[in-house]
N, C-alpha and C. Protein backbone atom coordinates (compact mmCIF):
# COMPACT_ATOMS: atom_id res chain seq x y z
N UNK A 1 17.48 8.50 13.95
CA UNK A 1 16.21 9.09 13.48
C UNK A 1 15.91 8.55 12.08
N UNK A 2 14.67 8.18 11.89
CA UNK A 2 14.19 7.71 10.59
C UNK A 2 13.83 8.92 9.73
N UNK A 3 14.23 8.91 8.48
CA UNK A 3 13.75 9.89 7.51
C UNK A 3 12.98 9.20 6.43
N UNK A 4 11.75 9.65 6.18
CA UNK A 4 10.91 9.11 5.12
C UNK A 4 10.81 10.13 4.00
N UNK A 5 11.22 9.71 2.81
CA UNK A 5 11.04 10.53 1.60
C UNK A 5 9.72 10.10 0.98
N UNK A 6 8.72 10.95 1.16
CA UNK A 6 7.34 10.56 0.85
C UNK A 6 6.82 11.27 -0.38
N UNK A 7 6.33 10.47 -1.34
CA UNK A 7 5.71 11.00 -2.56
C UNK A 7 4.22 10.85 -2.43
N UNK A 8 3.49 11.89 -2.73
CA UNK A 8 2.03 11.83 -2.65
C UNK A 8 1.46 10.79 -3.63
N UNK A 9 0.31 10.21 -3.27
CA UNK A 9 -0.38 9.22 -4.15
C UNK A 9 0.54 8.09 -4.56
N UNK A 10 1.23 7.50 -3.57
CA UNK A 10 2.16 6.42 -3.89
C UNK A 10 2.14 5.37 -2.80
N UNK A 11 2.87 4.30 -3.00
CA UNK A 11 2.96 3.23 -2.02
C UNK A 11 3.58 3.75 -0.71
N UNK A 12 4.17 4.92 -0.75
CA UNK A 12 4.76 5.48 0.47
C UNK A 12 3.74 5.70 1.58
N UNK A 13 2.45 5.77 1.22
CA UNK A 13 1.42 5.88 2.26
C UNK A 13 1.50 4.71 3.23
N UNK A 14 1.91 3.53 2.75
CA UNK A 14 2.07 2.39 3.64
C UNK A 14 3.06 2.71 4.78
N UNK A 15 4.14 3.34 4.41
CA UNK A 15 5.19 3.62 5.40
C UNK A 15 4.79 4.78 6.29
N UNK A 16 4.16 5.76 5.72
CA UNK A 16 3.67 6.89 6.53
C UNK A 16 2.73 6.37 7.63
N UNK A 17 1.81 5.52 7.25
CA UNK A 17 0.87 4.97 8.21
C UNK A 17 1.60 4.10 9.26
N UNK A 18 2.51 3.26 8.79
CA UNK A 18 3.26 2.39 9.72
C UNK A 18 4.03 3.24 10.73
N UNK A 19 4.68 4.29 10.28
CA UNK A 19 5.44 5.13 11.22
C UNK A 19 4.52 5.80 12.22
N UNK A 20 3.34 6.19 11.81
CA UNK A 20 2.36 6.79 12.75
C UNK A 20 1.91 5.74 13.78
N UNK A 21 1.77 4.50 13.32
CA UNK A 21 1.35 3.42 14.24
C UNK A 21 2.47 3.07 15.22
N UNK A 22 3.70 3.01 14.73
CA UNK A 22 4.84 2.62 15.57
C UNK A 22 5.09 3.68 16.64
N UNK A 23 5.01 4.95 16.27
CA UNK A 23 5.25 6.01 17.23
C UNK A 23 6.70 6.41 17.41
N UNK A 24 7.59 5.88 16.57
CA UNK A 24 8.99 6.32 16.62
C UNK A 24 9.13 7.71 15.99
N UNK A 25 10.01 8.56 16.52
CA UNK A 25 10.23 9.86 15.91
C UNK A 25 10.75 9.68 14.46
N UNK A 26 10.27 10.50 13.59
CA UNK A 26 10.76 10.45 12.20
C UNK A 26 10.67 11.83 11.55
N UNK A 27 11.46 12.00 10.52
CA UNK A 27 11.42 13.21 9.72
C UNK A 27 10.74 12.91 8.40
N UNK A 28 9.80 13.76 8.01
CA UNK A 28 9.04 13.54 6.78
C UNK A 28 9.50 14.60 5.73
N UNK A 29 10.03 14.11 4.63
CA UNK A 29 10.40 15.00 3.52
C UNK A 29 9.42 14.71 2.38
N UNK A 30 8.72 15.74 1.95
CA UNK A 30 7.62 15.58 1.02
C UNK A 30 8.04 15.87 -0.43
N UNK A 31 7.48 15.08 -1.32
CA UNK A 31 7.69 15.24 -2.75
C UNK A 31 6.31 15.26 -3.46
N UNK A 32 6.19 16.07 -4.47
CA UNK A 32 4.92 16.21 -5.19
C UNK A 32 5.02 15.68 -6.59
N UNK A 33 4.08 14.88 -7.03
CA UNK A 33 4.05 14.39 -8.39
C UNK A 33 3.85 15.55 -9.37
N UNK A 34 4.43 15.42 -10.58
CA UNK A 34 4.17 16.37 -11.63
C UNK A 34 2.69 16.28 -12.01
N UNK A 35 1.93 17.38 -11.99
CA UNK A 35 0.51 17.31 -12.26
C UNK A 35 0.16 16.84 -13.67
N UNK A 36 1.08 17.00 -14.61
CA UNK A 36 0.79 16.62 -15.99
C UNK A 36 1.18 15.15 -16.24
N UNK A 37 2.38 14.78 -15.84
CA UNK A 37 2.90 13.44 -16.14
C UNK A 37 2.62 12.44 -15.01
N UNK A 38 2.32 12.94 -13.81
CA UNK A 38 2.11 12.12 -12.61
C UNK A 38 3.39 11.43 -12.16
N UNK A 39 4.54 11.83 -12.70
CA UNK A 39 5.79 11.21 -12.33
C UNK A 39 6.39 11.89 -11.10
N UNK A 40 7.28 11.18 -10.44
CA UNK A 40 7.97 11.74 -9.27
C UNK A 40 8.97 12.79 -9.74
N UNK A 41 9.30 13.77 -8.91
CA UNK A 41 10.27 14.77 -9.28
C UNK A 41 11.67 14.16 -9.38
N UNK A 42 12.51 14.75 -10.21
CA UNK A 42 13.87 14.25 -10.41
C UNK A 42 14.68 14.31 -9.14
N UNK A 43 14.31 15.17 -8.21
CA UNK A 43 15.08 15.32 -6.97
C UNK A 43 15.11 14.04 -6.14
N UNK A 44 14.16 13.14 -6.35
CA UNK A 44 14.17 11.89 -5.60
C UNK A 44 15.38 11.03 -6.00
N UNK A 45 15.90 11.26 -7.20
CA UNK A 45 17.08 10.49 -7.65
C UNK A 45 18.33 10.89 -6.85
N UNK A 46 18.28 12.00 -6.17
CA UNK A 46 19.39 12.38 -5.30
C UNK A 46 19.45 11.49 -4.06
N UNK A 47 18.35 10.84 -3.77
CA UNK A 47 18.27 9.95 -2.58
C UNK A 47 18.56 8.51 -2.99
N UNK A 48 17.98 8.09 -4.12
CA UNK A 48 18.21 6.74 -4.64
C UNK A 48 18.13 6.79 -6.15
N UNK A 49 18.99 6.04 -6.86
CA UNK A 49 19.04 6.12 -8.34
C UNK A 49 17.72 5.87 -9.05
N UNK A 50 16.85 5.08 -8.45
CA UNK A 50 15.56 4.77 -9.08
C UNK A 50 14.60 5.96 -9.03
N UNK A 51 14.82 6.86 -8.12
CA UNK A 51 13.94 8.05 -8.04
C UNK A 51 12.53 7.74 -7.68
N UNK A 52 12.33 6.69 -6.88
CA UNK A 52 10.99 6.27 -6.52
C UNK A 52 10.77 6.45 -5.01
N UNK A 53 9.54 6.34 -4.59
CA UNK A 53 9.17 6.45 -3.18
C UNK A 53 8.23 5.29 -2.86
N UNK A 54 8.31 4.72 -1.66
CA UNK A 54 8.99 5.22 -0.46
C UNK A 54 10.49 4.91 -0.45
N UNK A 55 11.17 5.81 0.21
CA UNK A 55 12.61 5.63 0.56
C UNK A 55 12.78 6.04 2.01
N UNK A 56 13.48 5.27 2.81
CA UNK A 56 13.82 5.70 4.14
C UNK A 56 15.33 5.76 4.28
N UNK A 57 15.75 6.67 5.13
CA UNK A 57 17.16 6.73 5.55
C UNK A 57 17.20 6.46 7.04
N UNK A 58 18.14 5.60 7.44
CA UNK A 58 18.22 5.20 8.82
C UNK A 58 19.63 4.66 9.09
N UNK A 59 20.28 5.19 10.11
CA UNK A 59 21.62 4.76 10.49
C UNK A 59 22.60 4.86 9.33
N UNK A 60 22.47 5.92 8.52
CA UNK A 60 23.39 6.15 7.43
C UNK A 60 23.14 5.27 6.22
N UNK A 61 22.06 4.52 6.20
CA UNK A 61 21.74 3.65 5.07
C UNK A 61 20.44 4.09 4.44
N UNK A 62 20.28 3.75 3.15
CA UNK A 62 19.07 4.05 2.38
C UNK A 62 18.39 2.73 2.05
N UNK A 63 17.08 2.69 2.29
CA UNK A 63 16.33 1.47 1.98
C UNK A 63 15.10 1.81 1.14
N UNK A 64 14.92 1.09 0.03
CA UNK A 64 13.76 1.26 -0.81
C UNK A 64 12.94 -0.04 -0.83
N UNK A 65 11.82 -0.03 -1.54
CA UNK A 65 10.84 -1.11 -1.64
C UNK A 65 9.97 -1.18 -0.39
N UNK A 66 8.71 -0.89 -0.57
CA UNK A 66 7.81 -0.76 0.60
C UNK A 66 7.74 -2.03 1.40
N UNK A 67 7.76 -3.21 0.78
CA UNK A 67 7.72 -4.45 1.53
C UNK A 67 8.92 -4.63 2.41
N UNK A 68 10.10 -4.32 1.87
CA UNK A 68 11.34 -4.42 2.66
C UNK A 68 11.32 -3.44 3.83
N UNK A 69 10.83 -2.25 3.56
CA UNK A 69 10.77 -1.21 4.61
C UNK A 69 9.82 -1.63 5.72
N UNK A 70 8.63 -2.13 5.34
CA UNK A 70 7.66 -2.59 6.33
C UNK A 70 8.24 -3.69 7.20
N UNK A 71 8.86 -4.69 6.57
CA UNK A 71 9.41 -5.82 7.35
C UNK A 71 10.52 -5.34 8.28
N UNK A 72 11.38 -4.46 7.78
CA UNK A 72 12.50 -4.00 8.63
C UNK A 72 12.02 -3.18 9.80
N UNK A 73 11.15 -2.22 9.53
CA UNK A 73 10.68 -1.35 10.62
C UNK A 73 9.92 -2.14 11.69
N UNK A 74 9.12 -3.09 11.27
CA UNK A 74 8.39 -3.91 12.24
C UNK A 74 9.35 -4.77 13.04
N UNK A 75 10.29 -5.41 12.38
CA UNK A 75 11.23 -6.27 13.08
C UNK A 75 12.03 -5.48 14.11
N UNK A 76 12.39 -4.24 13.76
CA UNK A 76 13.23 -3.43 14.65
C UNK A 76 12.46 -2.66 15.71
N UNK A 77 11.32 -2.10 15.35
CA UNK A 77 10.63 -1.17 16.25
C UNK A 77 9.28 -1.65 16.76
N UNK A 78 8.65 -2.59 16.07
CA UNK A 78 7.29 -2.96 16.46
C UNK A 78 7.05 -4.44 16.25
N UNK A 79 7.76 -5.29 16.97
CA UNK A 79 7.62 -6.75 16.77
C UNK A 79 6.21 -7.25 17.07
N UNK A 80 5.43 -6.48 17.79
CA UNK A 80 4.04 -6.90 18.07
C UNK A 80 3.19 -6.92 16.81
N UNK A 81 3.65 -6.28 15.74
CA UNK A 81 2.90 -6.28 14.48
C UNK A 81 3.25 -7.45 13.58
N UNK A 82 4.05 -8.37 14.08
CA UNK A 82 4.42 -9.57 13.35
C UNK A 82 4.16 -10.82 14.22
N UNK A 83 3.36 -11.76 13.77
CA UNK A 83 3.15 -12.97 14.56
C UNK A 83 4.49 -13.68 14.81
N UNK A 84 4.58 -14.37 15.94
CA UNK A 84 5.77 -15.15 16.25
C UNK A 84 5.99 -16.22 15.18
N UNK A 85 7.23 -16.55 14.94
CA UNK A 85 7.57 -17.51 13.88
C UNK A 85 6.86 -18.84 14.06
N UNK A 86 6.69 -19.27 15.30
CA UNK A 86 6.04 -20.55 15.58
C UNK A 86 4.53 -20.43 15.80
N UNK A 87 4.00 -19.23 15.53
CA UNK A 87 2.55 -19.03 15.67
C UNK A 87 1.80 -19.62 14.48
N UNK A 88 0.59 -20.11 14.70
CA UNK A 88 -0.24 -20.61 13.58
C UNK A 88 -0.54 -19.51 12.55
N UNK A 89 -0.46 -18.24 12.95
CA UNK A 89 -0.75 -17.14 12.04
C UNK A 89 0.43 -16.73 11.17
N UNK A 90 1.64 -17.24 11.49
CA UNK A 90 2.82 -16.72 10.80
C UNK A 90 2.78 -17.00 9.29
N UNK A 91 2.39 -18.20 8.88
CA UNK A 91 2.35 -18.51 7.45
C UNK A 91 1.35 -17.62 6.74
N UNK A 92 0.18 -17.39 7.37
CA UNK A 92 -0.81 -16.49 6.76
C UNK A 92 -0.23 -15.08 6.65
N UNK A 93 0.46 -14.65 7.68
CA UNK A 93 1.09 -13.32 7.66
C UNK A 93 2.08 -13.20 6.51
N UNK A 94 2.91 -14.21 6.37
CA UNK A 94 3.92 -14.19 5.31
C UNK A 94 3.27 -14.13 3.96
N UNK A 95 2.22 -14.92 3.78
CA UNK A 95 1.53 -14.96 2.51
C UNK A 95 0.91 -13.61 2.15
N UNK A 96 0.23 -12.98 3.10
CA UNK A 96 -0.49 -11.73 2.80
C UNK A 96 0.42 -10.55 2.68
N UNK A 97 1.52 -10.54 3.39
CA UNK A 97 2.42 -9.40 3.30
C UNK A 97 3.06 -9.34 1.92
N UNK A 98 3.19 -10.49 1.27
CA UNK A 98 3.75 -10.53 -0.09
C UNK A 98 2.68 -10.50 -1.19
N UNK A 99 1.46 -10.92 -0.83
CA UNK A 99 0.34 -10.90 -1.77
C UNK A 99 0.12 -9.49 -2.34
N UNK A 100 0.27 -8.49 -1.49
CA UNK A 100 -0.04 -7.11 -1.86
C UNK A 100 0.78 -6.61 -3.05
N UNK A 101 2.05 -7.04 -3.14
CA UNK A 101 2.90 -6.58 -4.24
C UNK A 101 3.12 -7.62 -5.31
N UNK A 102 2.55 -8.80 -5.14
CA UNK A 102 2.73 -9.83 -6.16
C UNK A 102 1.40 -10.14 -6.85
N UNK A 103 0.60 -10.99 -6.31
CA UNK A 103 -0.66 -11.36 -6.96
C UNK A 103 -1.62 -10.18 -7.18
N UNK A 104 -1.70 -9.31 -6.17
CA UNK A 104 -2.72 -8.25 -6.22
C UNK A 104 -2.31 -7.06 -7.08
N UNK A 105 -1.08 -6.60 -6.96
CA UNK A 105 -0.73 -5.30 -7.51
C UNK A 105 -0.74 -5.27 -9.03
N UNK A 106 -0.29 -6.35 -9.68
CA UNK A 106 -0.22 -6.32 -11.15
C UNK A 106 -1.60 -6.13 -11.78
N UNK A 107 -2.59 -6.97 -11.48
CA UNK A 107 -3.90 -6.73 -12.07
C UNK A 107 -4.57 -5.43 -11.65
N UNK A 108 -4.34 -5.02 -10.42
CA UNK A 108 -4.93 -3.76 -9.96
C UNK A 108 -4.38 -2.57 -10.75
N UNK A 109 -3.06 -2.52 -10.91
CA UNK A 109 -2.45 -1.42 -11.67
C UNK A 109 -2.79 -1.47 -13.15
N UNK A 110 -2.81 -2.69 -13.70
CA UNK A 110 -3.18 -2.82 -15.11
C UNK A 110 -4.61 -2.34 -15.35
N UNK A 111 -5.50 -2.70 -14.42
CA UNK A 111 -6.88 -2.27 -14.55
C UNK A 111 -6.98 -0.75 -14.42
N UNK A 112 -6.24 -0.20 -13.52
CA UNK A 112 -6.26 1.27 -13.33
C UNK A 112 -5.75 1.95 -14.58
N UNK A 113 -4.64 1.47 -15.15
CA UNK A 113 -4.08 2.09 -16.34
C UNK A 113 -5.02 1.91 -17.54
N UNK A 114 -5.71 0.77 -17.61
CA UNK A 114 -6.68 0.57 -18.67
C UNK A 114 -7.81 1.58 -18.57
N UNK A 115 -8.24 1.87 -17.36
CA UNK A 115 -9.26 2.90 -17.18
C UNK A 115 -8.76 4.28 -17.63
N UNK A 116 -7.52 4.56 -17.37
CA UNK A 116 -6.93 5.80 -17.86
C UNK A 116 -7.02 5.86 -19.38
N UNK A 117 -6.69 4.74 -20.05
CA UNK A 117 -6.77 4.69 -21.51
C UNK A 117 -8.17 4.93 -22.02
N UNK A 118 -9.13 4.27 -21.39
CA UNK A 118 -10.53 4.43 -21.80
C UNK A 118 -10.96 5.89 -21.64
N UNK A 119 -10.60 6.50 -20.52
CA UNK A 119 -10.97 7.88 -20.28
C UNK A 119 -10.32 8.83 -21.30
N UNK A 120 -9.14 8.43 -21.80
CA UNK A 120 -8.43 9.24 -22.77
C UNK A 120 -8.89 8.96 -24.21
N UNK A 121 -9.80 8.00 -24.37
CA UNK A 121 -10.31 7.70 -25.70
C UNK A 121 -9.56 6.64 -26.45
N UNK A 122 -8.64 5.98 -25.79
CA UNK A 122 -7.89 4.86 -26.41
C UNK A 122 -8.09 3.62 -25.57
N UNK A 123 -7.99 2.47 -26.18
CA UNK A 123 -8.20 1.24 -25.42
C UNK A 123 -7.50 0.07 -26.09
N UNK A 124 -6.72 -0.67 -25.32
CA UNK A 124 -6.09 -1.89 -25.79
C UNK A 124 -6.96 -3.05 -25.38
N UNK A 125 -7.75 -3.59 -26.34
CA UNK A 125 -8.80 -4.53 -25.99
C UNK A 125 -8.25 -5.83 -25.40
N UNK A 126 -7.14 -6.33 -25.94
CA UNK A 126 -6.57 -7.56 -25.39
C UNK A 126 -6.14 -7.35 -23.95
N UNK A 127 -5.44 -6.24 -23.72
CA UNK A 127 -5.00 -5.94 -22.36
C UNK A 127 -6.16 -5.81 -21.40
N UNK A 128 -7.21 -5.16 -21.87
CA UNK A 128 -8.40 -4.97 -21.02
C UNK A 128 -9.03 -6.30 -20.66
N UNK A 129 -9.12 -7.21 -21.63
CA UNK A 129 -9.70 -8.53 -21.37
C UNK A 129 -8.89 -9.32 -20.38
N UNK A 130 -7.58 -9.37 -20.59
CA UNK A 130 -6.70 -10.10 -19.69
C UNK A 130 -6.76 -9.51 -18.28
N UNK A 131 -6.69 -8.17 -18.25
CA UNK A 131 -6.67 -7.51 -16.96
C UNK A 131 -7.93 -7.72 -16.17
N UNK A 132 -9.09 -7.68 -16.85
CA UNK A 132 -10.35 -7.87 -16.13
C UNK A 132 -10.45 -9.26 -15.54
N UNK A 133 -9.98 -10.27 -16.27
CA UNK A 133 -10.03 -11.64 -15.77
C UNK A 133 -9.17 -11.80 -14.53
N UNK A 134 -7.95 -11.30 -14.59
CA UNK A 134 -7.06 -11.40 -13.44
C UNK A 134 -7.55 -10.55 -12.26
N UNK A 135 -8.02 -9.37 -12.57
CA UNK A 135 -8.55 -8.48 -11.54
C UNK A 135 -9.70 -9.13 -10.78
N UNK A 136 -10.64 -9.70 -11.53
CA UNK A 136 -11.79 -10.35 -10.88
C UNK A 136 -11.38 -11.54 -10.03
N UNK A 137 -10.41 -12.31 -10.55
CA UNK A 137 -9.96 -13.49 -9.82
C UNK A 137 -9.27 -13.11 -8.50
N UNK A 138 -8.32 -12.21 -8.59
CA UNK A 138 -7.52 -11.85 -7.43
C UNK A 138 -8.32 -11.07 -6.41
N UNK A 139 -9.11 -10.09 -6.87
CA UNK A 139 -9.90 -9.29 -5.92
C UNK A 139 -11.06 -10.09 -5.34
N UNK A 140 -11.62 -10.99 -6.14
CA UNK A 140 -12.67 -11.84 -5.61
C UNK A 140 -12.14 -12.72 -4.49
N UNK A 141 -10.94 -13.25 -4.68
CA UNK A 141 -10.29 -14.08 -3.65
C UNK A 141 -10.07 -13.26 -2.38
N UNK A 142 -9.49 -12.08 -2.54
CA UNK A 142 -9.22 -11.21 -1.38
C UNK A 142 -10.51 -10.85 -0.68
N UNK A 143 -11.52 -10.51 -1.41
CA UNK A 143 -12.80 -10.13 -0.81
C UNK A 143 -13.40 -11.27 0.00
N UNK A 144 -13.32 -12.49 -0.55
CA UNK A 144 -13.87 -13.63 0.16
C UNK A 144 -13.16 -13.94 1.46
N UNK A 145 -11.83 -13.76 1.45
CA UNK A 145 -11.05 -14.01 2.67
C UNK A 145 -11.40 -12.98 3.75
N UNK A 146 -11.65 -11.74 3.33
CA UNK A 146 -11.94 -10.68 4.30
C UNK A 146 -13.37 -10.78 4.86
N UNK A 147 -14.17 -11.66 4.32
CA UNK A 147 -15.56 -11.77 4.77
C UNK A 147 -15.70 -12.08 6.24
N UNK A 148 -14.75 -12.84 6.79
CA UNK A 148 -14.83 -13.30 8.15
C UNK A 148 -13.67 -12.84 9.02
N UNK A 149 -13.00 -11.79 8.59
CA UNK A 149 -11.82 -11.32 9.32
C UNK A 149 -11.90 -9.83 9.59
N UNK A 150 -11.39 -9.42 10.74
CA UNK A 150 -11.31 -8.00 11.05
C UNK A 150 -10.13 -7.39 10.30
N UNK A 151 -8.98 -8.07 10.38
CA UNK A 151 -7.80 -7.69 9.62
C UNK A 151 -7.43 -8.88 8.75
N UNK A 152 -6.42 -8.73 7.92
CA UNK A 152 -6.14 -9.81 6.96
C UNK A 152 -5.58 -11.06 7.62
N UNK A 153 -4.90 -10.91 8.75
CA UNK A 153 -4.41 -12.07 9.49
C UNK A 153 -5.17 -12.11 10.83
N UNK A 154 -6.35 -12.69 10.84
CA UNK A 154 -7.12 -12.82 12.06
C UNK A 154 -7.69 -11.52 12.54
N UNK A 155 -7.61 -11.29 13.85
CA UNK A 155 -8.22 -10.11 14.46
C UNK A 155 -7.20 -9.09 14.97
N UNK A 156 -5.97 -9.19 14.51
CA UNK A 156 -4.91 -8.31 15.02
C UNK A 156 -4.23 -7.60 13.85
N UNK A 157 -4.05 -6.31 14.01
CA UNK A 157 -3.31 -5.50 13.02
C UNK A 157 -1.90 -6.05 12.87
N UNK A 158 -1.45 -6.20 11.61
CA UNK A 158 -0.08 -6.72 11.37
C UNK A 158 0.52 -6.01 10.16
N UNK A 159 1.76 -6.32 9.91
CA UNK A 159 2.44 -5.71 8.75
C UNK A 159 1.72 -5.99 7.44
N UNK A 160 1.01 -7.10 7.33
CA UNK A 160 0.31 -7.41 6.09
C UNK A 160 -0.75 -6.38 5.79
N UNK A 161 -1.37 -5.83 6.84
CA UNK A 161 -2.39 -4.79 6.62
C UNK A 161 -1.79 -3.49 6.07
N UNK A 162 -0.58 -3.17 6.51
CA UNK A 162 0.07 -1.97 6.01
C UNK A 162 0.39 -2.14 4.53
N UNK A 163 0.69 -3.35 4.10
CA UNK A 163 0.95 -3.61 2.67
C UNK A 163 -0.34 -3.61 1.87
N UNK A 164 -1.41 -4.20 2.40
CA UNK A 164 -2.66 -4.33 1.65
C UNK A 164 -3.44 -3.04 1.58
N UNK A 165 -3.20 -2.11 2.46
CA UNK A 165 -3.97 -0.89 2.48
C UNK A 165 -3.93 -0.15 1.17
N UNK A 166 -2.77 -0.10 0.53
CA UNK A 166 -2.61 0.62 -0.73
C UNK A 166 -3.46 -0.03 -1.81
N UNK A 167 -3.55 -1.36 -1.81
CA UNK A 167 -4.39 -2.08 -2.75
C UNK A 167 -5.86 -1.70 -2.49
N UNK A 168 -6.24 -1.70 -1.24
CA UNK A 168 -7.64 -1.38 -0.88
C UNK A 168 -8.04 0.03 -1.30
N UNK A 169 -7.15 0.98 -1.03
CA UNK A 169 -7.43 2.36 -1.41
C UNK A 169 -7.59 2.47 -2.93
N UNK A 170 -6.66 1.84 -3.67
CA UNK A 170 -6.71 1.95 -5.12
C UNK A 170 -8.01 1.37 -5.68
N UNK A 171 -8.42 0.23 -5.17
CA UNK A 171 -9.63 -0.44 -5.70
C UNK A 171 -10.88 0.27 -5.26
N UNK A 172 -10.97 0.59 -3.97
CA UNK A 172 -12.23 1.13 -3.43
C UNK A 172 -12.40 2.61 -3.73
N UNK A 173 -11.34 3.39 -3.54
CA UNK A 173 -11.50 4.84 -3.69
C UNK A 173 -11.13 5.35 -5.06
N UNK A 174 -9.99 4.94 -5.59
CA UNK A 174 -9.57 5.46 -6.88
C UNK A 174 -10.32 4.85 -8.04
N UNK A 175 -10.58 3.54 -7.96
CA UNK A 175 -11.27 2.84 -9.06
C UNK A 175 -12.77 2.74 -8.83
N UNK A 176 -13.24 3.18 -7.67
CA UNK A 176 -14.67 3.18 -7.36
C UNK A 176 -15.29 1.80 -7.48
N UNK A 177 -14.60 0.78 -7.02
CA UNK A 177 -15.09 -0.60 -7.16
C UNK A 177 -15.52 -1.21 -5.84
N UNK A 178 -15.74 -0.39 -4.86
CA UNK A 178 -16.10 -0.90 -3.54
C UNK A 178 -17.38 -1.71 -3.51
N UNK A 179 -18.36 -1.32 -4.33
CA UNK A 179 -19.63 -2.06 -4.34
C UNK A 179 -19.47 -3.48 -4.82
N UNK A 180 -18.51 -3.72 -5.70
CA UNK A 180 -18.24 -5.06 -6.19
C UNK A 180 -17.53 -5.91 -5.14
N UNK A 181 -16.81 -5.27 -4.24
CA UNK A 181 -16.03 -5.99 -3.24
C UNK A 181 -16.38 -5.44 -1.87
N UNK A 182 -17.55 -5.77 -1.34
CA UNK A 182 -18.03 -5.13 -0.11
C UNK A 182 -17.20 -5.46 1.13
N UNK A 183 -16.57 -6.63 1.14
CA UNK A 183 -15.76 -6.99 2.31
C UNK A 183 -14.43 -6.21 2.29
N UNK A 184 -13.91 -5.96 1.11
CA UNK A 184 -12.71 -5.11 1.00
C UNK A 184 -13.04 -3.70 1.37
N UNK A 185 -14.21 -3.23 0.96
CA UNK A 185 -14.65 -1.90 1.31
C UNK A 185 -14.83 -1.73 2.83
N UNK A 186 -15.43 -2.76 3.45
CA UNK A 186 -15.61 -2.75 4.91
C UNK A 186 -14.27 -2.80 5.64
N UNK A 187 -13.34 -3.55 5.09
CA UNK A 187 -11.98 -3.65 5.64
C UNK A 187 -11.32 -2.28 5.63
N UNK A 188 -11.42 -1.57 4.52
CA UNK A 188 -10.81 -0.23 4.41
C UNK A 188 -11.49 0.71 5.42
N UNK A 189 -12.79 0.58 5.60
CA UNK A 189 -13.47 1.39 6.58
C UNK A 189 -12.98 1.12 8.00
N UNK A 190 -12.66 -0.13 8.28
CA UNK A 190 -12.12 -0.47 9.62
C UNK A 190 -10.74 0.16 9.79
N UNK A 191 -9.92 0.09 8.74
CA UNK A 191 -8.61 0.73 8.83
C UNK A 191 -8.75 2.22 9.05
N UNK A 192 -9.75 2.80 8.41
CA UNK A 192 -9.94 4.27 8.48
C UNK A 192 -10.32 4.72 9.90
N UNK A 193 -10.74 3.79 10.75
CA UNK A 193 -11.09 4.14 12.13
C UNK A 193 -9.87 4.17 13.04
N UNK A 194 -8.73 3.71 12.58
CA UNK A 194 -7.52 3.66 13.42
C UNK A 194 -6.90 5.08 13.49
N UNK A 195 -6.50 5.48 14.68
CA UNK A 195 -5.91 6.80 14.86
C UNK A 195 -4.67 6.99 14.00
N UNK A 196 -3.83 5.98 13.94
CA UNK A 196 -2.61 6.11 13.14
C UNK A 196 -2.92 6.30 11.65
N UNK A 197 -3.97 5.64 11.19
CA UNK A 197 -4.40 5.78 9.79
C UNK A 197 -4.89 7.22 9.55
N UNK A 198 -5.68 7.75 10.47
CA UNK A 198 -6.18 9.13 10.33
C UNK A 198 -5.04 10.13 10.28
N UNK A 199 -4.05 9.92 11.12
CA UNK A 199 -2.91 10.85 11.14
C UNK A 199 -2.15 10.77 9.81
N UNK A 200 -1.96 9.55 9.33
CA UNK A 200 -1.25 9.37 8.05
C UNK A 200 -1.98 10.01 6.89
N UNK A 201 -3.30 9.84 6.82
CA UNK A 201 -4.07 10.45 5.74
C UNK A 201 -4.08 11.96 5.85
N UNK A 202 -4.07 12.49 7.06
CA UNK A 202 -4.00 13.95 7.22
C UNK A 202 -2.68 14.48 6.66
N UNK A 203 -1.59 13.79 6.96
CA UNK A 203 -0.30 14.20 6.43
C UNK A 203 -0.28 14.06 4.90
N UNK A 204 -0.86 12.98 4.39
CA UNK A 204 -0.90 12.75 2.95
C UNK A 204 -1.72 13.84 2.27
N UNK A 205 -2.84 14.24 2.89
CA UNK A 205 -3.73 15.23 2.24
C UNK A 205 -3.06 16.59 2.11
N UNK A 206 -2.06 16.86 2.93
CA UNK A 206 -1.40 18.15 2.85
C UNK A 206 -0.56 18.27 1.58
N UNK A 207 -0.35 17.15 0.86
CA UNK A 207 0.41 17.19 -0.38
C UNK A 207 -0.51 17.35 -1.59
N UNK A 208 -1.77 17.04 -1.46
CA UNK A 208 -2.69 17.06 -2.61
C UNK A 208 -3.45 18.38 -2.72
């Protein structure tokens, strides 16, 4: 049995959605962010020393890092969500599944944190300038790629979509930048039509 240690408003939504799509039985243990600091509760450190989420337990082992969890669960339980190694789509799949936590995540989070600073009345101007440049470059690239695709790798849902969904939610919903990136916004709307996505968001909403 899979156990997911799920923190609200975190990358763990990727795993929650994936588990709903896969259909394997799992146990969901919920954790709530501190409303003042937005940090995870200390109790998560009882599961893994980093005290972060997502964390899964399976076969007596603990696995962290959303990318590693996505790849492992797909390889073991849902190989249909990964193109065959000799498929023309495999290289694109590999690129996009890692894009979400490498090229995309740094500027997205920096931009988000900069907005927090501005809202609080403080602003690091150099950081804001650097962040905006990288944000525009990376998100513009992603938006242009999605212009002619249903999902990020062609017309089939894959592990790369589970990784990118958190980026899309952050940019479109939390940062309210959907109008700037209409293809990313449309992509998120397509994901929102999936039954597994709806179930995952319902579970997530119970924590907020």
